[in-house]
Amino acid sequence: MGVFLYFLRHGQTAYSLTGGYCGMPENDPGLTAEGVAMAEEFAQTYAHLSWSAAYVSPLRRAIETARPLCAQVGIDMQIRDGLREVMYGRWEGMRPSDVDRVYHDEYVAWLTDPAWYAPVGGERAVDIARRSSQVLDEIEHTHQEGNILLVSHKATIRIMLCTLLGIDVGRYRDRMDMPVAAVSVVELAKRGPLFHTIADRSHLNEHLRSLPCT
């Protein structure tokens, strides 16, 4: 058995319903009731696997998402700052339409190439790729086999998957979606990362899958 990485985006929050930007610790929403249900259904579906470790973003919504599985299978969360969401600087708490109105030129530049353009006062995709890669390197050097859970965020997970696939991280929004509570599975195989699943939500019931999210 090799190493299998299970990338799990956190469950629903108020911001995931509106598309608002929230990456700073001081702007850290918890899960909605539906988000808690998503975390619980993930745990019920995946608890039968043998888990070696859980690496979790320090933001509240990620910790709340990881908690049901970790409690059920008896593993501790390993909090890693490299897994947190993009810091959006002055755009924190704003919706995209408001950012476009107030910071139009900067917003267009960021949409065009988020690898090298940051939200005003925030982080570039290359910054997220650098810090999240340190977590991936730690896992690869620490674990020779087993199932590893990584609970993180929409942009961060897509950037990590682009890094593993060899896709320009500036295209992370153009190459894959990552709805709330989606699971992506990557095997660290001898010939490099082998993708088994991207953005699967089959563990959620029909009602939870049908809820709007960004």
C-alpha atoms as a PDB file:
ATOM      1  CA  MET A   1       0.000   0.000   0.000  1.00  0.00           C
ATOM      2  CA  GLY A   2       1.277   3.438  -0.894  1.00  0.00           C
ATOM      3  CA  VAL A   3       0.381   6.863   0.451  1.00  0.00           C
ATOM      4  CA  PHE A   4      -3.103   8.121  -0.421  1.00  0.00           C
ATOM      5  CA  LEU A   5      -3.897  11.799   0.118  1.00  0.00           C
ATOM      6  CA  TYR A   6      -7.543  12.683   0.750  1.00  0.00           C
ATOM      7  CA  PHE A   7      -8.035  16.406   0.153  1.00  0.00           C
ATOM      8  CA  LEU A   8     -11.274  17.517   1.793  1.00  0.00           C
ATOM      9  CA  ARG A   9     -12.689  21.004   1.418  1.00  0.00           C
ATOM     10  CA  HIS A  10     -14.494  22.199   4.532  1.00  0.00           C
ATOM     11  CA  GLY A  11     -18.286  22.097   4.779  1.00  0.00           C
ATOM     12  CA  GLN A  12     -20.718  24.894   4.095  1.00  0.00           C
ATOM     13  CA  THR A  13     -20.299  28.305   5.745  1.00  0.00           C
ATOM     14  CA  ALA A  14     -22.213  31.545   5.356  1.00  0.00           C
ATOM     15  CA  TYR A  15     -19.432  32.805   3.080  1.00  0.00           C
ATOM     16  CA  SER A  16     -19.533  29.757   0.819  1.00  0.00           C
ATOM     17  CA  LEU A  17     -23.194  30.573   0.162  1.00  0.00           C
ATOM     18  CA  THR A  18     -22.443  34.134  -0.938  1.00  0.00           C
ATOM     19  CA  GLY A  19     -18.974  33.790  -2.458  1.00  0.00           C
ATOM     20  CA  GLY A  20     -17.532  36.297  -0.006  1.00  0.00           C
ATOM     21  CA  TYR A  21     -13.783  36.272   0.597  1.00  0.00           C
ATOM     22  CA  CYS A  22     -12.585  35.010   3.987  1.00  0.00           C
ATOM     23  CA  GLY A  23      -9.014  33.924   4.562  1.00  0.00           C
ATOM     24  CA  MET A  24      -7.793  35.847   7.601  1.00  0.00           C
ATOM     25  CA  PRO A  25      -7.957  34.346  11.119  1.00  0.00           C
ATOM     26  CA  GLU A  26      -9.983  37.335  12.315  1.00  0.00           C
ATOM     27  CA  ASN A  27     -12.566  36.625   9.595  1.00  0.00           C
ATOM     28  CA  ASP A  28     -13.095  32.945  10.314  1.00  0.00           C
ATOM     29  CA  PRO A  29     -16.681  31.649  10.053  1.00  0.00           C
ATOM     30  CA  GLY A  30     -17.739  28.323  11.482  1.00  0.00           C
ATOM     31  CA  LEU A  31     -19.851  25.750   9.704  1.00  0.00           C
ATOM     32  CA  THR A  32     -23.556  26.178   9.185  1.00  0.00           C
ATOM     33  CA  ALA A  33     -25.866  23.381  10.359  1.00  0.00           C
ATOM     34  CA  GLU A  34     -25.687  21.967   6.840  1.00  0.00           C
ATOM     35  CA  GLY A  35     -21.901  22.232   6.931  1.00  0.00           C
ATOM     36  CA  VAL A  36     -21.809  20.203  10.148  1.00  0.00           C
ATOM     37  CA  ALA A  37     -24.007  17.582   8.467  1.00  0.00           C
ATOM     38  CA  MET A  38     -21.572  17.432   5.549  1.00  0.00           C
ATOM     39  CA  ALA A  39     -18.668  16.799   7.914  1.00  0.00           C
ATOM     40  CA  GLU A  40     -20.612  14.076   9.695  1.00  0.00           C
ATOM     41  CA  GLU A  41     -21.562  12.351   6.435  1.00  0.00           C
ATOM     42  CA  PHE A  42     -17.938  12.393   5.311  1.00  0.00           C
ATOM     43  CA  ALA A  43     -16.967  10.731   8.593  1.00  0.00           C
ATOM     44  CA  GLN A  44     -19.686   8.087   8.285  1.00  0.00           C
ATOM     45  CA  THR A  45     -18.627   7.226   4.736  1.00  0.00           C
ATOM     46  CA  TYR A  46     -14.861   7.189   5.238  1.00  0.00           C
ATOM     47  CA  ALA A  47     -14.441   5.961   8.815  1.00  0.00           C
ATOM     48  CA  HIS A  48     -13.962   2.371   7.600  1.00  0.00           C
ATOM     49  CA  LEU A  49     -10.576   3.275   6.096  1.00  0.00           C
ATOM     50  CA  SER A  50      -7.397   2.895   8.099  1.00  0.00           C
ATOM     51  CA  TRP A  51      -6.206   6.452   8.696  1.00  0.00           C
ATOM     52  CA  SER A  52      -2.583   7.306   9.433  1.00  0.00           C
ATOM     53  CA  ALA A  53      -2.878  11.059  10.028  1.00  0.00           C
ATOM     54  CA  ALA A  54      -4.996  14.167   9.588  1.00  0.00           C
ATOM     55  CA  TYR A  55      -3.407  17.484   8.568  1.00  0.00           C
ATOM     56  CA  VAL A  56      -5.781  20.402   9.037  1.00  0.00           C
ATOM     57  CA  SER A  57      -5.881  24.130   8.331  1.00  0.00           C
ATOM     58  CA  PRO A  58      -5.931  26.242  11.506  1.00  0.00           C
ATOM     59  CA  LEU A  59      -9.131  28.001  10.430  1.00  0.00           C
ATOM     60  CA  ARG A  60     -12.271  27.148  12.372  1.00  0.00           C
ATOM     61  CA  ARG A  61     -14.299  25.772   9.469  1.00  0.00           C
ATOM     62  CA  ALA A  62     -11.579  23.262   8.594  1.00  0.00           C
ATOM     63  CA  ILE A  63     -11.175  22.099  12.186  1.00  0.00           C
ATOM     64  CA  GLU A  64     -14.940  21.648  12.537  1.00  0.00           C
ATOM     65  CA  THR A  65     -14.989  19.633   9.307  1.00  0.00           C
ATOM     66  CA  ALA A  66     -12.160  17.333  10.405  1.00  0.00           C
ATOM     67  CA  ARG A  67     -13.506  16.809  13.919  1.00  0.00           C
ATOM     68  CA  PRO A  68     -16.163  14.083  13.263  1.00  0.00           C
ATOM     69  CA  LEU A  69     -13.785  11.751  11.420  1.00  0.00           C
ATOM     70  CA  CYS A  70     -10.892  12.329  13.810  1.00  0.00           C
ATOM     71  CA  ALA A  71     -13.136  11.635  16.791  1.00  0.00           C
ATOM     72  CA  GLN A  72     -14.633   8.538  15.227  1.00  0.00           C
ATOM     73  CA  VAL A  73     -11.346   6.895  14.225  1.00  0.00           C
ATOM     74  CA  GLY A  74      -9.260   8.204  17.139  1.00  0.00           C
ATOM     75  CA  ILE A  75      -6.591  10.307  15.458  1.00  0.00           C
ATOM     76  CA  ASP A  76      -5.364  13.766  16.452  1.00  0.00           C
ATOM     77  CA  MET A  77      -5.474  16.726  14.113  1.00  0.00           C
ATOM     78  CA  GLN A  78      -2.097  18.049  13.053  1.00  0.00           C
ATOM     79  CA  ILE A  79      -2.689  21.751  12.453  1.00  0.00           C
ATOM     80  CA  ARG A  80      -0.609  23.215   9.640  1.00  0.00           C
ATOM     81  CA  ASP A  81      -0.574  26.895   8.739  1.00  0.00           C
ATOM     82  CA  GLY A  82       0.376  25.997   5.179  1.00  0.00           C
ATOM     83  CA  LEU A  83      -3.134  24.622   4.610  1.00  0.00           C
ATOM     84  CA  ARG A  84      -5.040  27.803   5.438  1.00  0.00           C
ATOM     85  CA  GLU A  85      -7.000  29.737   2.845  1.00  0.00           C
ATOM     86  CA  VAL A  86      -5.672  32.567   0.705  1.00  0.00           C
ATOM     87  CA  MET A  87      -5.398  35.778   2.701  1.00  0.00           C
ATOM     88  CA  TYR A  88      -7.471  38.346   0.800  1.00  0.00           C
ATOM     89  CA  GLY A  89      -6.117  41.473   2.456  1.00  0.00           C
ATOM     90  CA  ARG A  90      -8.423  44.459   1.987  1.00  0.00           C
ATOM     91  CA  TRP A  91     -10.939  42.283   0.181  1.00  0.00           C
ATOM     92  CA  GLU A  92     -11.728  40.276   3.314  1.00  0.00           C
ATOM     93  CA  GLY A  93     -15.470  40.012   3.923  1.00  0.00           C
ATOM     94  CA  MET A  94     -16.343  41.465   0.504  1.00  0.00           C
ATOM     95  CA  ARG A  95     -18.260  39.789  -2.295  1.00  0.00           C
ATOM     96  CA  PRO A  96     -16.731  39.622  -5.786  1.00  0.00           C
ATOM     97  CA  SER A  97     -19.156  42.223  -7.161  1.00  0.00           C
ATOM     98  CA  ASP A  98     -18.136  44.670  -4.433  1.00  0.00           C
ATOM     99  CA  VAL A  99     -14.442  44.032  -4.995  1.00  0.00           C
ATOM    100  CA  ASP A 100     -14.923  44.628  -8.722  1.00  0.00           C
ATOM    101  CA  ARG A 101     -16.598  47.949  -7.988  1.00  0.00           C
ATOM    102  CA  VAL A 102     -14.110  49.240  -5.393  1.00  0.00           C
ATOM    103  CA  TYR A 103     -10.854  47.682  -6.673  1.00  0.00           C
ATOM    104  CA  HIS A 104     -11.686  47.156 -10.344  1.00  0.00           C
ATOM    105  CA  ASP A 105      -8.214  47.349 -11.908  1.00  0.00           C
ATOM    106  CA  GLU A 106      -6.591  45.221  -9.215  1.00  0.00           C
ATOM    107  CA  TYR A 107      -9.449  42.723  -9.408  1.00  0.00           C
ATOM    108  CA  VAL A 108      -9.087  42.345 -13.180  1.00  0.00           C
ATOM    109  CA  ALA A 109      -5.331  41.809 -12.816  1.00  0.00           C
ATOM    110  CA  TRP A 110      -5.932  39.158 -10.139  1.00  0.00           C
ATOM    111  CA  LEU A 111      -8.520  37.363 -12.255  1.00  0.00           C
ATOM    112  CA  THR A 112      -6.143  37.416 -15.221  1.00  0.00           C
ATOM    113  CA  ASP A 113      -3.167  35.902 -13.396  1.00  0.00           C
ATOM    114  CA  PRO A 114      -3.634  35.111  -9.693  1.00  0.00           C
ATOM    115  CA  ALA A 115      -0.262  33.357  -9.664  1.00  0.00           C
ATOM    116  CA  TRP A 116       1.579  36.693  -9.645  1.00  0.00           C
ATOM    117  CA  TYR A 117      -1.112  39.240  -8.743  1.00  0.00           C
ATOM    118  CA  ALA A 118      -2.483  39.275  -5.212  1.00  0.00           C
ATOM    119  CA  PRO A 119      -5.659  40.704  -3.735  1.00  0.00           C
ATOM    120  CA  VAL A 120      -4.793  44.142  -2.357  1.00  0.00           C
ATOM    121  CA  GLY A 121      -2.731  43.370   0.745  1.00  0.00           C
ATOM    122  CA  GLY A 122      -3.181  39.609   0.279  1.00  0.00           C
ATOM    123  CA  GLU A 123      -1.393  36.560  -1.130  1.00  0.00           C
ATOM    124  CA  ARG A 124      -0.516  35.340  -4.606  1.00  0.00           C
ATOM    125  CA  ALA A 125      -1.130  31.773  -5.762  1.00  0.00           C
ATOM    126  CA  VAL A 126       2.629  31.184  -5.845  1.00  0.00           C
ATOM    127  CA  ASP A 127       2.734  32.074  -2.141  1.00  0.00           C
ATOM    128  CA  ILE A 128       0.046  29.514  -1.364  1.00  0.00           C
ATOM    129  CA  ALA A 129       1.801  26.924  -3.545  1.00  0.00           C
ATOM    130  CA  ARG A 130       5.039  27.477  -1.631  1.00  0.00           C
ATOM    131  CA  ARG A 131       3.592  27.119   1.867  1.00  0.00           C
ATOM    132  CA  SER A 132       1.245  24.240   1.033  1.00  0.00           C
ATOM    133  CA  SER A 133       4.052  22.347  -0.713  1.00  0.00           C
ATOM    134  CA  GLN A 134       5.935  22.333   2.568  1.00  0.00           C
ATOM    135  CA  VAL A 135       3.060  20.341   4.083  1.00  0.00           C
ATOM    136  CA  LEU A 136       3.059  17.923   1.158  1.00  0.00           C
ATOM    137  CA  ASP A 137       6.830  17.485   1.498  1.00  0.00           C
ATOM    138  CA  GLU A 138       6.421  16.804   5.221  1.00  0.00           C
ATOM    139  CA  ILE A 139       3.830  14.127   4.535  1.00  0.00           C
ATOM    140  CA  GLU A 140       5.940  12.473   1.849  1.00  0.00           C
ATOM    141  CA  HIS A 141       8.957  12.305   4.159  1.00  0.00           C
ATOM    142  CA  THR A 142       6.980  11.204   7.232  1.00  0.00           C
ATOM    143  CA  HIS A 143       4.636   8.568   5.831  1.00  0.00           C
ATOM    144  CA  GLN A 144       5.730   5.597   3.770  1.00  0.00           C
ATOM    145  CA  GLU A 145       2.170   4.298   3.408  1.00  0.00           C
ATOM    146  CA  GLY A 146      -1.358   4.877   4.617  1.00  0.00           C
ATOM    147  CA  ASN A 147      -4.347   7.173   4.134  1.00  0.00           C
ATOM    148  CA  ILE A 148      -3.735  10.833   4.947  1.00  0.00           C
ATOM    149  CA  LEU A 149      -6.520  13.372   5.379  1.00  0.00           C
ATOM    150  CA  LEU A 150      -5.875  17.008   4.451  1.00  0.00           C
ATOM    151  CA  VAL A 151      -8.687  19.403   5.334  1.00  0.00           C
ATOM    152  CA  SER A 152      -8.291  22.765   3.671  1.00  0.00           C
ATOM    153  CA  HIS A 153      -9.999  25.366   1.494  1.00  0.00           C
ATOM    154  CA  LYS A 154     -11.246  25.947  -2.034  1.00  0.00           C
ATOM    155  CA  ALA A 155      -8.335  27.893  -3.482  1.00  0.00           C
ATOM    156  CA  THR A 156      -5.640  26.158  -1.454  1.00  0.00           C
ATOM    157  CA  ILE A 157      -6.738  22.660  -2.444  1.00  0.00           C
ATOM    158  CA  ARG A 158      -6.967  23.572  -6.116  1.00  0.00           C
ATOM    159  CA  ILE A 159      -3.508  25.134  -5.990  1.00  0.00           C
ATOM    160  CA  MET A 160      -2.080  22.006  -4.329  1.00  0.00           C
ATOM    161  CA  LEU A 161      -3.699  19.777  -6.947  1.00  0.00           C
ATOM    162  CA  CYS A 162      -2.343  21.966  -9.755  1.00  0.00           C
ATOM    163  CA  THR A 163       1.109  21.699  -8.183  1.00  0.00           C
ATOM    164  CA  LEU A 164       0.861  17.906  -8.076  1.00  0.00           C
ATOM    165  CA  LEU A 165      -0.481  17.713 -11.645  1.00  0.00           C
ATOM    166  CA  GLY A 166       2.100  20.089 -13.070  1.00  0.00           C
ATOM    167  CA  ILE A 167      -0.537  22.682 -14.028  1.00  0.00           C
ATOM    168  CA  ASP A 168       0.305  26.395 -13.881  1.00  0.00           C
ATOM    169  CA  VAL A 169      -1.024  27.498 -10.486  1.00  0.00           C
ATOM    170  CA  GLY A 170      -2.246  30.702 -12.112  1.00  0.00           C
ATOM    171  CA  ARG A 171      -4.888  28.603 -13.847  1.00  0.00           C
ATOM    172  CA  TYR A 172      -6.257  26.934 -10.716  1.00  0.00           C
ATOM    173  CA  ARG A 173      -9.699  28.537 -11.099  1.00  0.00           C
ATOM    174  CA  ASP A 174      -9.855  27.587 -14.788  1.00  0.00           C
ATOM    175  CA  ARG A 175      -8.959  23.907 -14.460  1.00  0.00           C
ATOM    176  CA  MET A 176     -11.083  22.509 -11.627  1.00  0.00           C
ATOM    177  CA  ASP A 177     -13.971  23.316  -9.361  1.00  0.00           C
ATOM    178  CA  MET A 178     -13.989  22.435  -5.674  1.00  0.00           C
ATOM    179  CA  PRO A 179     -17.424  22.723  -4.022  1.00  0.00           C
ATOM    180  CA  VAL A 180     -17.848  22.487  -0.270  1.00  0.00           C
ATOM    181  CA  ALA A 181     -17.215  19.056   1.281  1.00  0.00           C
ATOM    182  CA  ALA A 182     -15.688  17.732  -1.962  1.00  0.00           C
ATOM    183  CA  VAL A 183     -13.040  14.996  -1.710  1.00  0.00           C
ATOM    184  CA  SER A 184     -10.089  14.541  -4.070  1.00  0.00           C
ATOM    185  CA  VAL A 185      -7.852  11.491  -3.813  1.00  0.00           C
ATOM    186  CA  VAL A 186      -4.238  11.378  -4.973  1.00  0.00           C
ATOM    187  CA  GLU A 187      -1.866   8.433  -4.635  1.00  0.00           C
ATOM    188  CA  LEU A 188       1.818   9.215  -4.218  1.00  0.00           C
ATOM    189  CA  ALA A 189       2.894   6.491  -6.602  1.00  0.00           C
ATOM    190  CA  LYS A 190       6.396   5.472  -7.665  1.00  0.00           C
ATOM    191  CA  ARG A 191       6.071   7.321 -10.968  1.00  0.00           C
ATOM    192  CA  GLY A 192       4.600  10.453  -9.411  1.00  0.00           C
ATOM    193  CA  PRO A 193       1.170  11.628  -8.237  1.00  0.00           C
ATOM    194  CA  LEU A 194      -1.670   9.448  -9.523  1.00  0.00           C
ATOM    195  CA  PHE A 195      -5.123  11.044  -9.390  1.00  0.00           C
ATOM    196  CA  HIS A 196      -7.990   8.740  -8.492  1.00  0.00           C
ATOM    197  CA  THR A 197     -10.785  11.229  -7.753  1.00  0.00           C
ATOM    198  CA  ILE A 198     -11.319  14.980  -8.078  1.00  0.00           C
ATOM    199  CA  ALA A 199     -14.095  16.880  -6.251  1.00  0.00           C
ATOM    200  CA  ASP A 200     -16.246  13.855  -5.391  1.00  0.00           C
ATOM    201  CA  ARG A 201     -19.351  14.506  -3.282  1.00  0.00           C
ATOM    202  CA  SER A 202     -21.054  11.128  -3.482  1.00  0.00           C
ATOM    203  CA  HIS A 203     -20.738  10.762   0.295  1.00  0.00           C
ATOM    204  CA  LEU A 204     -23.322  13.532   0.727  1.00  0.00           C
ATOM    205  CA  ASN A 205     -27.039  12.887   0.606  1.00  0.00           C
ATOM    206  CA  GLU A 206     -29.047  14.323  -2.265  1.00  0.00           C
ATOM    207  CA  HIS A 207     -30.256  17.320  -0.272  1.00  0.00           C
ATOM    208  CA  LEU A 208     -26.752  18.379   0.780  1.00  0.00           C
ATOM    209  CA  ARG A 209     -25.423  17.952  -2.756  1.00  0.00           C
ATOM    210  CA  SER A 210     -28.183  20.175  -4.098  1.00  0.00           C
ATOM    211  CA  LEU A 211     -27.417  23.140  -1.852  1.00  0.00           C
ATOM    212  CA  PRO A 212     -25.945  26.198  -3.619  1.00  0.00           C
ATOM    213  CA  CYS A 213     -22.293  26.884  -2.909  1.00  0.00           C
ATOM    214  CA  THR A 214     -19.276  28.651  -4.296  1.00  0.00           C
END
